[in-house]
Amino acid sequence: MSLSDEEWRVKLTPQQFRVLRQKGTESPGTGEYNKHKEKGVYLCAGCETPLYTSETKFDSGCGWPAFFDAIPGALKIEEDFSFGMVRTEIMCAKCGGHLGHVFKGEGYPTPTDERHCVNSISLKFQPK
């Protein structure tokens, strides 16, 4: 999915554009899905591609929604060298929208020992 910045600005709110298209981050503890417990599927707010299911969401205490695994094929993963560190960036595989970062080996009691730290504003929820 390839849209110009102008087309994305029409489709997204200014806050969504800043995070999804400019790789911004929402403040911790402010996102609507951080403590969200309803069963369903989390979609990309930019293109509505299914990214995560509620079965993989867990409370990591980090201030952003956390998932231990994504729907197969939903993510594009790249190394992020911003802010003088190396992190693993996660993006929507369909539209390239920035979702957040994935962290490994932190010791969470999940099947993958991964924490996909995702901006709520990058997501749209579809209840089951």
Protein backbone atom coordinates (compact mmCIF):
# COMPACT_ATOMS: atom_id res chain seq x y z
CA MET A 1 0.00 0.00 0.00
CA SER A 2 1.65 3.19 -1.15
CA LEU A 3 0.15 6.58 -0.37
CA SER A 4 1.76 10.00 -0.50
CA ASP A 5 2.24 11.99 2.70
CA GLU A 6 -0.67 14.20 1.62
CA GLU A 7 -2.95 11.16 1.21
CA TRP A 8 -1.87 9.78 4.61
CA ARG A 9 -2.58 13.19 6.22
CA VAL A 10 -6.15 13.02 4.90
CA LYS A 11 -6.63 9.41 6.06
CA LEU A 12 -5.05 9.72 9.54
CA THR A 13 -5.42 12.06 12.49
CA PRO A 14 -2.41 14.34 13.09
CA GLN A 15 -1.38 12.15 16.05
CA GLN A 16 -1.68 8.95 14.00
CA PHE A 17 0.36 10.52 11.20
CA ARG A 18 3.12 11.50 13.63
CA VAL A 19 3.43 7.94 14.98
CA LEU A 20 2.59 5.76 11.96
CA ARG A 21 4.33 7.79 9.24
CA GLN A 22 6.99 9.77 11.15
CA LYS A 23 7.94 7.04 13.66
CA GLY A 24 6.82 9.00 16.71
CA THR A 25 5.87 7.59 20.09
CA GLU A 26 2.88 8.32 22.28
CA SER A 27 3.52 9.06 25.94
CA PRO A 28 3.52 5.97 28.20
CA GLY A 29 0.26 5.22 29.99
CA THR A 30 -1.83 7.42 27.69
CA GLY A 31 -2.95 4.99 24.97
CA GLU A 32 -6.48 3.62 24.91
CA TYR A 33 -5.35 -0.01 24.50
CA ASN A 34 -2.71 -0.15 27.25
CA LYS A 35 -5.08 -1.74 29.80
CA HIS A 36 -7.61 -2.99 27.25
CA LYS A 37 -8.86 -6.52 28.03
CA GLU A 38 -11.65 -7.16 25.48
CA LYS A 39 -11.35 -10.20 23.20
CA GLY A 40 -10.75 -9.54 19.52
CA VAL A 41 -8.18 -8.48 16.94
CA TYR A 42 -5.92 -5.44 16.83
CA LEU A 43 -5.64 -3.95 13.34
CA CYS A 44 -3.25 -1.43 11.83
CA ALA A 45 -4.87 2.01 12.20
CA GLY A 46 -3.46 2.96 8.80
CA CYS A 47 -4.68 0.12 6.59
CA GLU A 48 -6.76 -2.17 8.87
CA THR A 49 -4.49 -5.19 8.39
CA PRO A 50 -4.89 -7.64 11.32
CA LEU A 51 -1.70 -7.50 13.41
CA TYR A 52 -2.32 -9.06 16.84
CA THR A 53 -4.99 -11.06 18.65
CA SER A 54 -6.09 -10.44 22.21
CA GLU A 55 -4.78 -13.92 23.10
CA THR A 56 -1.20 -12.66 22.70
CA LYS A 57 -1.69 -9.42 24.67
CA PHE A 58 -0.30 -9.22 28.19
CA ASP A 59 0.26 -6.61 30.90
CA SER A 60 3.97 -5.85 30.87
CA GLY A 61 3.67 -2.70 32.98
CA CYS A 62 5.63 -0.72 30.35
CA GLY A 63 2.91 1.86 29.67
CA TRP A 64 2.09 0.68 26.14
CA PRO A 65 0.10 -2.30 24.86
CA ALA A 66 2.33 -5.38 24.90
CA PHE A 67 2.00 -8.56 22.86
CA PHE A 68 4.20 -11.65 22.85
CA ASP A 69 3.56 -12.56 19.21
CA ALA A 70 1.99 -11.17 16.03
CA ILE A 71 -0.28 -12.71 13.43
CA PRO A 72 2.08 -14.54 11.01
CA GLY A 73 3.21 -12.30 8.14
CA ALA A 74 1.67 -9.13 9.62
CA LEU A 75 4.89 -7.38 10.59
CA LYS A 76 7.94 -5.98 8.87
CA ILE A 77 10.95 -5.93 11.21
CA GLU A 78 14.03 -3.70 10.89
CA GLU A 79 16.91 -2.60 13.09
CA ASP A 80 16.43 0.94 14.43
CA PHE A 81 19.60 2.89 15.21
CA SER A 82 17.93 6.10 16.45
CA PHE A 83 18.69 7.70 19.81
CA GLY A 84 22.20 6.20 19.96
CA MET A 85 21.01 2.62 20.55
CA VAL A 86 20.02 -0.43 18.55
CA ARG A 87 16.40 -1.52 18.79
CA THR A 88 14.15 -3.74 16.69
CA GLU A 89 11.42 -1.69 15.02
CA ILE A 90 8.10 -3.28 14.09
CA MET A 91 5.99 -1.97 11.23
CA CYS A 92 2.85 -3.08 9.43
CA ALA A 93 3.94 -5.32 6.55
CA LYS A 94 1.20 -3.96 4.28
CA CYS A 95 1.48 -0.16 4.67
CA GLY A 96 4.81 0.24 6.49
CA GLY A 97 3.22 2.10 9.39
CA HIS A 98 5.41 2.35 12.51
CA LEU A 99 3.94 0.31 15.37
CA GLY A 100 6.68 0.32 18.00
CA HIS A 101 9.56 -1.96 18.97
CA VAL A 102 10.09 -5.56 20.00
CA PHE A 103 12.29 -6.52 22.95
CA LYS A 104 13.56 -10.03 23.60
CA GLY A 105 14.90 -11.88 26.62
CA GLU A 106 13.37 -9.69 29.32
CA GLY A 107 12.09 -12.68 31.28
CA TYR A 108 8.33 -12.24 30.86
CA PRO A 109 6.41 -15.48 31.46
CA THR A 110 5.17 -15.72 27.87
CA PRO A 111 5.71 -18.46 25.26
CA THR A 112 8.16 -16.32 23.22
CA ASP A 113 9.88 -14.18 25.89
CA GLU A 114 9.25 -11.23 23.57
CA ARG A 115 7.52 -7.93 24.27
CA HIS A 116 6.07 -6.17 21.26
CA CYS A 117 5.70 -2.66 22.67
CA VAL A 118 3.07 -1.05 20.42
CA ASN A 119 1.67 2.48 20.32
CA SER A 120 -2.10 2.38 20.91
CA ILE A 121 -2.57 5.10 18.30
CA SER A 122 -1.10 2.73 15.68
CA LEU A 123 -3.91 0.25 16.39
CA LYS A 124 -7.64 -0.12 15.81
CA PHE A 125 -9.56 -2.77 17.75
CA GLN A 126 -12.10 -5.17 16.26
CA PRO A 127 -14.11 -7.07 18.92
CA LYS A 128 -14.92 -10.78 18.49
